[in-house]
Amino acid sequence: MYKLGEHFKVNYENGIAREEAIIQGEKYRITILTERLVRFEYSEDGIFENRPTKLVWNRNFEVPEFQVKEDEKYLELTTKYFKISYIKERKYYGGRLNPTSNLKVELLNSDRFWYYGHPEVRNLGIPKNKLANKRGKYDFERGLFSAEGFASINDSESQIISENGVIIERKNKNIDIYLFMYLNDFQLCLQDYYNLTGFPALVPRYALGNWWSRNESYEDQSLKDLIDEFDHQEIPISIVLLNEEWHLNQYEKTENLKTGFTFNKENFKEPYEMISYLHSKGIRVGLNINPTQGIYPYEEYYENVKKYLAPDEQGIIPFNALEPKFIDVYLKMMIHPLDAIDVDFYWVDTNPNINKLNTFILNHYHFYDMKRNYKRRPMILSNNAGVAPHRYPVLYSGKTLVDWKTLKLIPFFNGSASNGGVTWWSHDIGGYYKGIEDNELYTRFVQLGVFSPILKFGSEKGKYYKREPWLWSIKTYAIVKDYLKLRHRLIPYLYSEAYKYHKEGKLIVEPIYHRYKEMYDDVLYRNQYYFGSEFFISPITTTKNYIMNRVIHKFYIPDGIWYDFVTGKKFPGGRSYVSFFRDQDYPVFVKAGAIIPLSNDDNLFDTTPPKNMEIQIFPGRSNTYKLYEDDGMSDLYNKGFYIKTNIDYNYLPNNHTVIIRAIEGKSEIIPKFRNYKVIFRNTKQAEEVITFVNDGQITNRHYTEGPDFIVEVDDVTTLGQLTINCKGKDIEIEAIRLINDDIEGIISDLTIETEMKERIDAVIFAEIPMKKKRIAVRRLKNKGLDQKFVRLFLKLLEYIEQV
């Protein structure tokens, strides 16, 4: 068999389950992998599969507790979560797994059960592939999250990964099914799934910044001008992703071929110098590639490839994903030369609708090929091949339409992806093509992107597709600029959450219906999601009321106390609200005691661990946040080169203490000394502020800024312990959100005479019954109030009545 590199090998020993977990008959094998996960196999020839498959790489789990009752005809297995009943010697079925007769798995502490062939109709599904060209809907396939508390995966036809890392066909026709019986413990189900298939990859730190990609024929000067303009406008960017026209693409009479691996020297005279320039700015570089059309004679290394692979009669070397020699030659002679000039990652742009296996193979080999160099952490942008996509970040949702329907789909799409344990989906900010370019739509796309796993700009070629923020109105430009800067400032938080996803399987995007199942059927709320451990987002996906110049937005706040991230207004949870959001506002909430680490550095394009760090802390309860940092670029973190820092917040109404201390890792990973700006949100001036580094007291600067109390300390060792203690009476500012404040803001902004505003105010806030208020509002028409404003305030009274 053809040998690929060592970095493609899968650990074969891990594919073999422990004998103590296996109950086996002549034609069946049952493996209890965890208290929640069981494998069912049936084989006519009694030969079972121990090799890793495309999906399943590990079956070597710790043996869980389970009980067995067995005789010649009957088998019963019981764990904490399920009970298996199997009639193994019924002659009519020959011991075969059967939908209605000889196999039943009961979900304990419920009235539900699973059987072979169960339709699993209450499985909430995952997005099948793309958002592209979908107006208001997209296709689903079965995921792991189910209202019934169980889900199965059929691995019977999955290809095998050989010891050399080559993907080969599975010869046997065995039944091979994995059943997850988790009841309400979906997080534990995910951990089982990741242990089975491989944990999510840790993306490079730069992936969490702002991506730039347009289907333009950039060249040296135009690309430099673009980056200089981002710099001039003070808008951060972390990735430039070159689309289809960076490479040679013409052969004989054929133009605009998608395949190509040689830079077009008319556009990029010295590709290495171009990439070095971008790297010097702190920007990483990705290239769009699609080898499925084959390797053409215009490639720089074509003659070398021809020594190993035979061309067809047209001189084209055909693409063959199932031939390991082709994969080996393709990677070494087409991709490695691009690696040599410091390309950071690739956009593997194949179409799974044409051939899903080809897409999987290319995603798999491209990602693991990057592991040969520990200095470059693997990442690809790719289409979803449907097999363990969490292993191959990042996924691309395709060429979406520019419209509100696309925007409305994205949060539900991302939440549904979490039903299968996938986080790293990217969507083109603003939509990719067609539609109408609109200030409000563009703004809402950017705001959603800031609080999404990946923020990627992208569009079709054409000067009227406006993705550059400075091409929009002054108001839109200012709002979008602030949000894009916020995204880069959030990288310390986002990267820590990415690490938890990679190491512990904790979702970055968790839809509200994971915790409140009834919300799935409520279209008002099911788009809402938790964003990491501290944030809760209620996306705006509808247009505003143009009379009041605000979006009327209804949202649900989960149990507990939550705060508006920007204003600090307090929202008691467990109930719904109506608010009125201006273009610059977005429904982003943090829980009581939330700790949000942000970068405070001035360098726009730098995504490395910051020298200057801001930590925002919200009152209400004690909390600990684990900040994770490494170099963000390499795989050295697997060898212990990282720093974990605990940020402990001890809350008392009259005493706040923050302790920042490194708890694990090695030095030289992050700046030796750091300047901290700790912002206590909704907090009054403290009477006394004491700061220590280790056991020594140090000076600090402290002051109030609006409703917040700020403490700054400089040159603090990042491997020591910083303690900040603030004392005072009734330090916390209540800041309860009042709908009256919202209404006053609306009245203030309306284009009506000031005297009329006073009359409206007197009616709206009068201590009279609601019925009389409505009558009084209607009478204002006789005083000159336009009918459209009368209708507006009658509607507002309805919202006030609901509060």
Foldseek 3Di string as FASTA:
>chain_A
DDFDDPLLFAPLVQLAADPVQWDDDQFWIKGCQELFKIKIKGAPRSDDDSFAFLFFRGSHHDRYDWDWDDDPFWIWIHGPFKIWIAGQPDPVCNRDFDFPPGIKIDGPPDRDIHGVPDPLPQQPFAFPWFQAPPQQDGDGDGAADGPQQKDKDWCQFTWGQDRSNATDGDDGRMTIMMMGRGNLPVLVVLVVSCNGGNFFAQAFLLQLAEEEEEQDQAALPNVVVVVVVCVVLLFAHAEYEYEQNQFAADDDPDGSHSAGQHGDCVRYVDVLVSQVVCVVLNHAYEYEHECQAAAAPVHPCLVVLCVQAPAPPSRGGHDDLNDVSNVNSCCVRRPVVVVVSPHQEYAHEDDVVVPLVSQSSVLSCRQSVVVVDQQFHGAYEYIDSPHPCSHHDDYENDQHEQDLSSVLVVLLNQQSNVSRLHARYEYAQRGADDDDRDLLSNLLSLLVCLLGLGHYHYYYDDPPPDPDLVVDDPVSSVLSSVSSQQSLFQSQVSSLQSVCCRPSVDHQWHFPCSVVVVCCPPSLERSWTHGGDWKTFRGDSDDPDVQLQWRWHKYAFAAAWKAAPPPRAIDHHPGMAIFTHHSNDGRMITGAQDKGKTAPDSSSNHNAAHQEIEIETEHDAKDKDKGKHFRSGGNCVVVQRIWIWIWTWHDDQFKIKTKIATDGGDPPGHDQWHKYKYKYAQWAAFPDKWKDWANHTDDWDWDDDVRIIIIIDTGHGNHTMMMIMGGDHRGGHNNHDDVLVRVLSSLVPGPDDPVLSVQLNCLLPPPDDLVVSLVSLVCCVVVPDDPVVSVVVNVVSVSVVVD
